[in-house]
Amino acid sequence: MLSLTPAKLLIVDDLPENLLALDALIQGEDREVHQAQSAEAALSLLLEHEFALAILDVQMPGMNGFELAELMRGTEKTRNIPIVFVTAAGREMNYAFKGYESGAVDFLHKPLDTLAVKSKVSVFVDLYRQRKVLDRQLQALERSRQEQEILLGQLQTARCELEHAVRMRDDFMSIVSHEVRTPLNGLILETQLRKMHLARGNLGAFSADKLQAMVERDERQINSLIRLIEDMLDVSRIRTGKLSLRPRPFDLGQLVQGLVENFAAQATAQGTQIVLQRCQALVGEWDEFRIEQVLANLLSNALRYGERQPVEVRVFEQEGMAWVQVQDHGIGISAANQQRIFQQFERVATQHASGGLGLGLYISEQIVHAHGGRIQVHSEVGEGATFSLLLPLAGVTEQNDQVRATSA
């Protein structure tokens, strides 16, 4: 359906009576007629309005109709406006040729034929409206094309993300099956060995000291399984926004000191030690269990990648934040890997490192962020790494209070 927006028509003649007569002929409800008595006045109107048709008198003082038409054809804004010349010079062929060369699409000869004028103007108005409809359709098609390109880009991005998720799932299942198999194989072997001793009546294999060693081995394997399961559960809680925090006041320095003492035996077994260089008493309101989980992960990594060099730990306050630094002097982390290690299922490859799901630092960073803090790493390859845990001494944020409320 054609638009009823008024079509603007321009008539140019130096005689006011001619303008009035022509205006009366072409006027209509769906038209807006603009008059100009000179080429200069016409140019001003042409720059101000978009016209469906220009009807120009050929013989005008100063700039005539042909010259005005040539100027219109030389300007981008008015180049495509249809031009009809009005002349009283008869129907000489050379005169008409000059008009067409100047850009005319038709001629009207005086005295004007009323029906011819109305018919021709109606044709040009209809062509103008059809062109506007076509322009709108083309614009709509272009918008549709652009939207389709955006959707295609989004689909391609979604496909890449899906493929990445599938690869991550496959990698995760492969890692989980491998990591779970290790402690399970240990438990299975221990069970088979004990069954063999019992079948042979070898009760000497179950003396007090040997039973103690068996229990310790079983406990290590069971704790490994528990750690793997807890890591997977924590990832699920983080993804669903249900990682619960239960903050209460406690001394961070005291917590770190206790962890260092607990890890001392493990460090000794690996031929190294953990040195608590500085331990300032810092009382804040945090989730003690979760912060202990983070620090235990940092200490475990330091021992794992520290190349049997001493691990140094510092607790101090700086700029309103509680700092815990864990520094090793091992293999170090390249700049490219320093962001990657905080992603899911990412591990630094080393022949001395034990296995794991590659979730420890990811979970740790999420826990620290939930407390309104952050984890920083400074490292050079071959020169060790320093992980810094920063926690606000004011306690957790209101946002995390909401998290606890929704997960309760």
Protein backbone atom coordinates (compact mmCIF):
# COMPACT_ATOMS: atom_id res chain seq x y z
CA MET A 1 0.00 0.00 0.00
CA LEU A 2 1.42 3.38 -1.07
CA SER A 3 2.17 5.97 1.59
CA LEU A 4 -0.06 9.06 1.84
CA THR A 5 2.80 11.32 2.89
CA PRO A 6 2.42 14.55 0.86
CA ALA A 7 4.57 14.65 -2.27
CA LYS A 8 6.37 17.97 -2.66
CA LEU A 9 6.22 19.68 -6.05
CA LEU A 10 8.34 22.68 -7.15
CA ILE A 11 7.11 25.15 -9.77
CA VAL A 12 9.40 27.93 -11.03
CA ASP A 13 8.24 30.90 -13.13
CA ASP A 14 9.07 34.58 -13.04
CA LEU A 15 5.41 35.57 -13.57
CA PRO A 16 3.18 35.29 -10.45
CA GLU A 17 0.02 34.74 -12.56
CA ASN A 18 1.63 31.70 -14.23
CA LEU A 19 2.56 30.27 -10.84
CA LEU A 20 -1.00 30.69 -9.56
CA ALA A 21 -2.49 29.05 -12.63
CA LEU A 22 -0.09 26.10 -12.53
CA ASP A 23 -0.53 25.73 -8.76
CA ALA A 24 -4.29 25.47 -9.22
CA LEU A 25 -3.84 22.74 -11.84
CA ILE A 26 -1.51 20.43 -9.87
CA GLN A 27 -2.74 21.05 -6.32
CA GLY A 28 -4.14 18.08 -4.39
CA GLU A 29 -4.69 16.68 -0.88
CA ASP A 30 -1.67 14.42 -1.17
CA ARG A 31 0.57 17.13 -2.61
CA GLU A 32 2.49 20.12 -1.29
CA VAL A 33 3.31 22.77 -3.90
CA HIS A 34 6.22 25.19 -3.47
CA GLN A 35 6.57 28.26 -5.70
CA ALA A 36 9.68 30.17 -6.79
CA GLN A 37 9.86 33.26 -9.02
CA SER A 38 13.56 32.92 -9.82
CA ALA A 39 16.22 30.24 -10.26
CA GLU A 40 18.00 31.49 -7.13
CA ALA A 41 14.84 31.12 -5.00
CA ALA A 42 14.32 27.67 -6.50
CA LEU A 43 17.84 26.59 -5.50
CA SER A 44 17.16 27.57 -1.88
CA LEU A 45 13.99 25.47 -1.85
CA LEU A 46 15.78 22.54 -3.52
CA LEU A 47 18.38 22.47 -0.76
CA GLU A 48 15.68 22.57 1.92
CA HIS A 49 13.13 20.05 0.64
CA GLU A 50 12.92 16.70 -1.14
CA PHE A 51 10.80 17.16 -4.27
CA ALA A 52 8.98 14.58 -6.32
CA LEU A 53 8.95 16.82 -9.40
CA ALA A 54 10.27 20.22 -10.56
CA ILE A 55 8.36 22.18 -13.25
CA LEU A 56 10.63 24.90 -14.65
CA ASP A 57 9.79 27.79 -16.96
CA VAL A 58 12.42 27.93 -19.71
CA GLN A 59 12.45 31.66 -20.35
CA MET A 60 13.27 33.54 -17.16
CA PRO A 61 15.39 36.66 -16.66
CA GLY A 62 18.85 36.01 -15.25
CA MET A 63 19.36 32.25 -14.91
CA ASN A 64 16.97 30.49 -17.28
CA GLY A 65 15.36 27.08 -16.83
CA PHE A 66 18.06 25.18 -18.76
CA GLU A 67 20.82 26.62 -16.59
CA LEU A 68 18.87 25.83 -13.42
CA ALA A 69 18.41 22.23 -14.62
CA GLU A 70 22.13 21.86 -15.28
CA LEU A 71 22.89 23.04 -11.73
CA MET A 72 20.37 20.55 -10.36
CA ARG A 73 21.99 17.70 -12.28
CA GLY A 74 25.39 18.68 -10.88
CA THR A 75 24.27 18.44 -7.22
CA GLU A 76 23.93 15.10 -5.43
CA LYS A 77 20.80 16.09 -3.48
CA THR A 78 18.85 17.24 -6.59
CA ARG A 79 20.38 15.05 -9.29
CA ASN A 80 17.50 12.58 -9.51
CA ILE A 81 14.54 14.99 -9.33
CA PRO A 82 12.45 14.67 -12.51
CA ILE A 83 12.35 17.97 -14.47
CA VAL A 84 9.53 19.13 -16.72
CA PHE A 85 10.11 22.29 -18.78
CA VAL A 86 7.32 24.78 -19.57
CA THR A 87 7.87 26.81 -22.74
CA ALA A 88 5.93 29.11 -25.05
CA ALA A 89 8.52 28.83 -27.86
CA GLY A 90 6.60 26.31 -29.91
CA ARG A 91 7.70 22.79 -30.68
CA GLU A 92 11.01 23.35 -32.48
CA MET A 93 13.12 20.16 -32.32
CA ASN A 94 16.44 21.86 -31.46
CA TYR A 95 14.84 23.57 -28.50
CA ALA A 96 13.57 20.25 -27.19
CA PHE A 97 17.01 18.65 -27.67
CA LYS A 98 18.60 21.38 -25.58
CA GLY A 99 16.06 20.73 -22.84
CA TYR A 100 16.70 16.99 -22.81
CA GLU A 101 20.45 17.56 -22.75
CA SER A 102 19.92 19.72 -19.66
CA GLY A 103 18.12 16.88 -17.90
CA ALA A 104 14.45 17.27 -18.81
CA VAL A 105 12.16 14.26 -18.78
CA ASP A 106 9.27 16.04 -20.51
CA PHE A 107 8.01 19.31 -21.97
CA LEU A 108 4.79 21.27 -21.41
CA HIS A 109 3.87 23.84 -24.03
CA LYS A 110 1.89 27.03 -23.47
CA PRO A 111 -1.00 27.40 -23.47
CA LEU A 112 -1.08 24.50 -21.03
CA ASP A 113 -3.36 21.55 -21.67
CA THR A 114 -5.16 21.07 -18.35
CA LEU A 115 -5.68 17.32 -18.71
CA ALA A 116 -2.13 16.73 -19.95
CA VAL A 117 -0.63 18.70 -17.05
CA LYS A 118 -2.71 16.86 -14.41
CA SER A 119 -2.01 13.48 -16.01
CA LYS A 120 1.75 13.97 -16.25
CA VAL A 121 2.06 15.34 -12.73
CA SER A 122 0.05 12.39 -11.37
CA VAL A 123 2.36 9.96 -13.16
CA PHE A 124 5.47 11.54 -11.64
CA VAL A 125 3.89 11.69 -8.17
CA ASP A 126 2.99 7.99 -8.40
CA LEU A 127 6.51 7.14 -9.58
CA TYR A 128 7.94 9.12 -6.66
CA ARG A 129 5.74 7.28 -4.16
CA GLN A 130 6.62 3.91 -5.66
CA ARG A 131 10.30 4.80 -5.51
CA LYS A 132 9.96 5.74 -1.84
CA VAL A 133 8.19 2.45 -1.09
CA LEU A 134 10.94 0.58 -2.94
CA ASP A 135 13.58 2.49 -0.98
CA ARG A 136 11.90 1.51 2.29
CA GLN A 137 11.72 -2.10 1.16
CA LEU A 138 15.40 -2.05 0.19
CA GLN A 139 16.28 -0.53 3.56
CA ALA A 140 14.22 -3.19 5.32
CA LEU A 141 15.99 -5.88 3.29
CA GLU A 142 19.35 -4.41 4.20
CA ARG A 143 18.41 -4.32 7.89
CA SER A 144 17.22 -7.90 7.61
CA ARG A 145 20.49 -8.89 5.94
CA GLN A 146 22.49 -7.20 8.69
CA GLU A 147 20.37 -8.88 11.38
CA GLN A 148 20.89 -12.22 9.67
CA GLU A 149 24.64 -11.61 9.63
CA ILE A 150 24.54 -10.81 13.35
CA LEU A 151 22.47 -13.94 14.04
CA LEU A 152 24.84 -15.99 11.91
CA GLY A 153 27.77 -14.62 13.88
CA GLN A 154 25.99 -15.43 17.14
CA LEU A 155 25.22 -18.93 15.90
CA GLN A 156 28.84 -19.45 14.91
CA THR A 157 29.96 -18.19 18.32
CA ALA A 158 27.44 -20.45 20.05
CA ARG A 159 28.64 -23.39 17.96
CA CYS A 160 32.26 -22.69 18.88
CA GLU A 161 31.30 -22.38 22.55
CA LEU A 162 29.33 -25.63 22.33
CA GLU A 163 32.23 -27.42 20.67
CA HIS A 164 34.53 -26.04 23.36
CA ALA A 165 32.11 -27.19 26.06
CA VAL A 166 31.98 -30.66 24.53
CA ARG A 167 35.77 -30.80 24.42
CA MET A 168 35.93 -29.62 28.03
CA ARG A 169 33.38 -32.27 29.02
CA ASP A 170 35.38 -34.98 27.27
CA ASP A 171 38.62 -33.74 28.81
CA PHE A 172 36.96 -33.52 32.19
CA MET A 173 35.62 -37.07 31.99
CA SER A 174 39.04 -38.30 30.89
CA ILE A 175 40.77 -36.46 33.76
CA VAL A 176 38.18 -37.60 36.31
CA SER A 177 38.38 -41.22 35.23
CA HIS A 178 42.17 -41.11 35.43
CA GLU A 179 42.34 -39.29 38.76
CA VAL A 180 39.65 -41.41 40.41
CA ARG A 181 41.26 -44.60 39.14
CA THR A 182 44.56 -43.82 40.89
CA PRO A 183 43.32 -43.94 44.54
CA LEU A 184 40.82 -46.66 43.70
CA ASN A 185 43.58 -48.84 42.23
CA GLY A 186 45.56 -48.33 45.42
CA LEU A 187 42.61 -49.38 47.56
CA ILE A 188 41.92 -52.39 45.32
CA LEU A 189 45.54 -53.54 45.48
CA GLU A 190 45.62 -53.15 49.25
CA THR A 191 42.38 -55.13 49.55
CA GLN A 192 43.66 -57.92 47.31
CA LEU A 193 46.93 -58.09 49.24
CA ARG A 194 45.10 -58.41 52.56
CA LYS A 195 42.79 -61.08 51.18
CA MET A 196 45.84 -63.02 50.03
CA HIS A 197 47.44 -62.79 53.48
CA LEU A 198 44.20 -63.92 55.13
CA ALA A 199 43.80 -66.82 52.67
CA ARG A 200 47.31 -68.00 53.50
CA GLY A 201 46.83 -67.51 57.22
CA ASN A 202 49.66 -64.98 57.30
CA LEU A 203 48.46 -63.11 60.39
CA GLY A 204 51.92 -61.61 60.89
CA ALA A 205 51.07 -59.21 58.07
CA PHE A 206 48.47 -57.64 60.41
CA SER A 207 50.70 -56.68 63.33
CA ALA A 208 50.01 -53.36 65.04
CA ASP A 209 52.66 -51.40 63.19
CA LYS A 210 51.68 -52.89 59.81
CA LEU A 211 47.99 -52.23 60.46
CA GLN A 212 48.85 -48.63 61.27
CA ALA A 213 50.65 -48.28 57.93
CA MET A 214 47.71 -49.87 56.11
CA VAL A 215 45.25 -47.47 57.75
CA GLU A 216 47.42 -44.49 56.82
CA ARG A 217 47.62 -45.64 53.19
CA ASP A 218 43.86 -46.19 53.07
CA GLU A 219 43.28 -42.76 54.59
CA ARG A 220 45.45 -41.07 51.96
CA GLN A 221 43.57 -42.80 49.13
CA ILE A 222 40.18 -42.03 50.66
CA ASN A 223 41.14 -38.37 51.22
CA SER A 224 42.20 -38.17 47.57
CA LEU A 225 38.78 -39.42 46.50
CA ILE A 226 37.04 -36.99 48.85
CA ARG A 227 39.12 -34.11 47.47
CA LEU A 228 38.18 -34.99 43.88
CA ILE A 229 34.49 -35.24 44.76
CA GLU A 230 34.52 -31.96 46.72
CA ASP A 231 36.21 -30.16 43.81
CA MET A 232 33.51 -31.36 41.42
CA LEU A 233 30.76 -30.35 43.86
CA ASP A 234 32.30 -26.90 44.33
CA VAL A 235 32.38 -26.33 40.56
CA SER A 236 28.70 -27.24 40.39
CA ARG A 237 27.91 -24.85 43.27
CA ILE A 238 29.84 -22.02 41.60
CA ARG A 239 28.06 -22.49 38.27
CA THR A 240 24.62 -22.43 39.90
CA GLY A 241 25.46 -19.50 42.19
CA LYS A 242 25.01 -21.61 45.30
CA LEU A 243 28.51 -21.42 46.75
CA SER A 244 27.63 -20.76 50.39
CA LEU A 245 29.70 -18.54 52.66
CA ARG A 246 29.43 -18.60 56.44
CA PRO A 247 31.55 -15.69 57.64
CA ARG A 248 32.56 -15.28 61.25
CA PRO A 249 35.41 -13.39 62.92
CA PHE A 250 38.70 -15.28 63.15
CA ASP A 251 42.44 -14.61 63.16
CA LEU A 252 43.88 -15.15 59.68
CA GLY A 253 47.42 -15.30 61.03
CA GLN A 254 46.48 -18.06 63.44
CA LEU A 255 44.82 -20.01 60.62
CA VAL A 256 47.94 -19.74 58.45
CA GLN A 257 50.19 -20.79 61.32
CA GLY A 258 48.08 -23.89 61.90
CA LEU A 259 48.14 -24.78 58.19
CA VAL A 260 51.92 -24.42 58.04
CA GLU A 261 52.23 -26.80 61.00
CA ASN A 262 49.84 -29.29 59.35
CA PHE A 263 51.80 -29.22 56.08
CA ALA A 264 55.18 -29.58 57.81
CA ALA A 265 55.11 -33.38 57.67
CA GLN A 266 54.20 -33.37 53.97
CA ALA A 267 56.98 -30.89 53.23
CA THR A 268 59.50 -33.02 55.15
CA ALA A 269 58.42 -36.12 53.22
CA GLN A 270 59.15 -34.23 49.99
CA GLY A 271 62.58 -33.15 51.21
CA THR A 272 61.78 -29.49 51.81
CA GLN A 273 60.22 -27.18 54.42
CA ILE A 274 57.67 -24.41 54.80
CA VAL A 275 59.04 -21.26 56.42
CA LEU A 276 56.63 -18.81 58.08
CA GLN A 277 58.64 -15.62 57.62
CA ARG A 278 56.07 -13.17 58.88
CA CYS A 279 52.77 -13.76 60.61
CA GLN A 280 50.78 -10.74 61.71
CA ALA A 281 47.57 -11.26 63.69
CA LEU A 282 44.72 -10.13 61.42
CA VAL A 283 41.14 -10.55 62.58
CA GLY A 284 38.49 -10.31 59.89
CA GLU A 285 35.05 -11.67 59.11
CA TRP A 286 35.42 -14.43 56.50
CA ASP A 287 34.37 -18.01 55.93
CA GLU A 288 37.17 -19.81 57.78
CA PHE A 289 36.58 -23.17 56.09
CA ARG A 290 36.65 -21.67 52.59
CA ILE A 291 39.72 -19.52 53.25
CA GLU A 292 41.49 -22.56 54.68
CA GLN A 293 40.54 -24.42 51.49
CA VAL A 294 42.16 -21.68 49.38
CA LEU A 295 45.34 -21.51 51.45
CA ALA A 296 45.67 -25.29 51.53
CA ASN A 297 45.50 -25.29 47.73
CA LEU A 298 48.21 -22.62 47.47
CA LEU A 299 50.48 -24.51 49.87
CA SER A 300 49.90 -27.81 48.06
CA ASN A 301 50.77 -26.22 44.73
CA ALA A 302 53.88 -24.61 46.17
CA LEU A 303 55.11 -27.99 47.40
CA ARG A 304 54.09 -29.68 44.16
CA TYR A 305 55.84 -27.26 41.83
CA GLY A 306 58.54 -25.94 44.17
CA GLU A 307 61.29 -28.33 43.04
CA ARG A 308 61.96 -29.29 46.70
CA GLN A 309 63.03 -25.74 47.52
CA PRO A 310 61.79 -24.06 50.74
CA VAL A 311 58.34 -22.48 50.58
CA GLU A 312 58.00 -19.08 52.24
CA VAL A 313 54.76 -17.79 53.74
CA ARG A 314 53.96 -14.24 54.89
CA VAL A 315 50.86 -12.75 56.57
CA PHE A 316 50.55 -8.97 56.82
CA GLU A 317 48.27 -5.97 56.41
CA GLN A 318 48.64 -3.46 53.58
CA GLU A 319 46.29 -0.65 52.51
CA GLY A 320 43.31 -2.01 54.42
CA MET A 321 43.68 -5.51 53.01
CA ALA A 322 44.83 -8.71 54.64
CA TRP A 323 47.64 -10.32 52.60
CA VAL A 324 48.83 -13.91 52.60
CA GLN A 325 51.76 -14.65 50.31
CA VAL A 326 52.93 -18.15 49.41
CA GLN A 327 56.25 -18.14 47.55
CA ASP A 328 58.07 -21.09 46.04
CA HIS A 329 61.37 -21.25 44.16
CA GLY A 330 60.46 -23.89 41.62
CA ILE A 331 59.63 -24.11 37.92
CA GLY A 332 57.75 -20.80 37.73
CA ILE A 333 54.85 -19.92 35.43
CA SER A 334 55.11 -18.24 32.04
CA ALA A 335 53.21 -15.01 31.37
CA ALA A 336 50.96 -16.87 28.91
CA ASN A 337 50.00 -19.42 31.56
CA GLN A 338 49.42 -17.00 34.44
CA GLN A 339 45.84 -16.33 33.34
CA ARG A 340 45.20 -19.83 32.04
CA ILE A 341 45.90 -21.53 35.36
CA PHE A 342 42.81 -19.90 36.90
CA GLN A 343 40.55 -21.55 34.32
CA GLN A 344 38.80 -24.87 34.77
CA PHE A 345 40.75 -28.08 34.15
CA GLU A 346 44.03 -26.23 33.56
CA ARG A 347 47.29 -27.53 35.05
CA VAL A 348 50.94 -26.58 34.64
CA ALA A 349 52.66 -29.56 33.06
CA THR A 350 55.74 -30.79 34.90
CA GLN A 351 57.33 -34.16 35.38
CA HIS A 352 57.46 -33.67 39.15
CA ALA A 353 53.82 -32.63 39.55
CA SER A 354 51.19 -35.00 40.79
CA GLY A 355 47.80 -35.28 39.17
CA GLY A 356 44.62 -33.38 39.83
CA LEU A 357 41.51 -32.11 38.10
CA GLY A 358 42.97 -28.68 37.43
CA LEU A 359 40.18 -27.07 39.45
CA GLY A 360 42.03 -25.90 42.57
CA LEU A 361 42.98 -22.40 41.46
CA TYR A 362 39.67 -21.90 39.62
CA ILE A 363 37.70 -22.73 42.77
CA SER A 364 40.08 -20.71 44.94
CA GLU A 365 39.69 -17.60 42.79
CA GLN A 366 35.87 -17.91 42.86
CA ILE A 367 35.90 -18.24 46.66
CA VAL A 368 38.16 -15.21 47.06
CA HIS A 369 36.04 -13.13 44.66
CA ALA A 370 32.95 -14.08 46.67
CA HIS A 371 34.68 -12.51 49.70
CA GLY A 372 35.36 -9.33 47.75
CA GLY A 373 39.06 -10.13 47.48
CA ARG A 374 41.43 -11.28 44.75
CA ILE A 375 44.36 -13.59 44.02
CA GLN A 376 47.49 -12.30 42.33
CA VAL A 377 50.41 -14.22 40.88
CA HIS A 378 53.91 -12.98 40.14
CA SER A 379 56.26 -15.39 38.46
CA GLU A 380 59.12 -15.87 36.02
CA VAL A 381 59.90 -19.19 34.37
CA GLY A 382 62.58 -20.99 36.36
CA GLU A 383 62.43 -18.48 39.23
CA GLY A 384 59.43 -19.76 41.17
CA ALA A 385 56.06 -18.14 41.80
CA THR A 386 54.48 -15.94 44.45
CA PHE A 387 50.72 -16.22 44.97
CA SER A 388 49.13 -13.40 46.97
CA LEU A 389 45.73 -13.72 48.62
CA LEU A 390 44.10 -10.35 49.37
CA LEU A 391 41.02 -10.13 51.60
CA PRO A 392 39.16 -7.01 52.74
CA LEU A 393 39.47 -6.59 56.48
CA ALA A 394 35.91 -5.20 56.58
CA GLY A 395 34.50 -8.64 55.77
CA VAL A 396 32.40 -10.00 52.94
CA THR A 397 30.16 -7.80 50.80
CA GLU A 398 26.38 -7.42 50.90
CA GLN A 399 26.25 -9.23 47.60
CA ASN A 400 27.56 -12.35 49.24
CA ASP A 401 25.01 -12.01 52.02
CA GLN A 402 22.41 -12.36 49.27
CA VAL A 403 24.23 -15.40 47.88
CA ARG A 404 24.11 -17.03 51.31
CA ALA A 405 20.42 -16.20 51.68
CA THR A 406 19.48 -17.75 48.33
CA SER A 407 21.55 -20.86 48.99
CA ALA A 408 20.32 -21.40 52.53
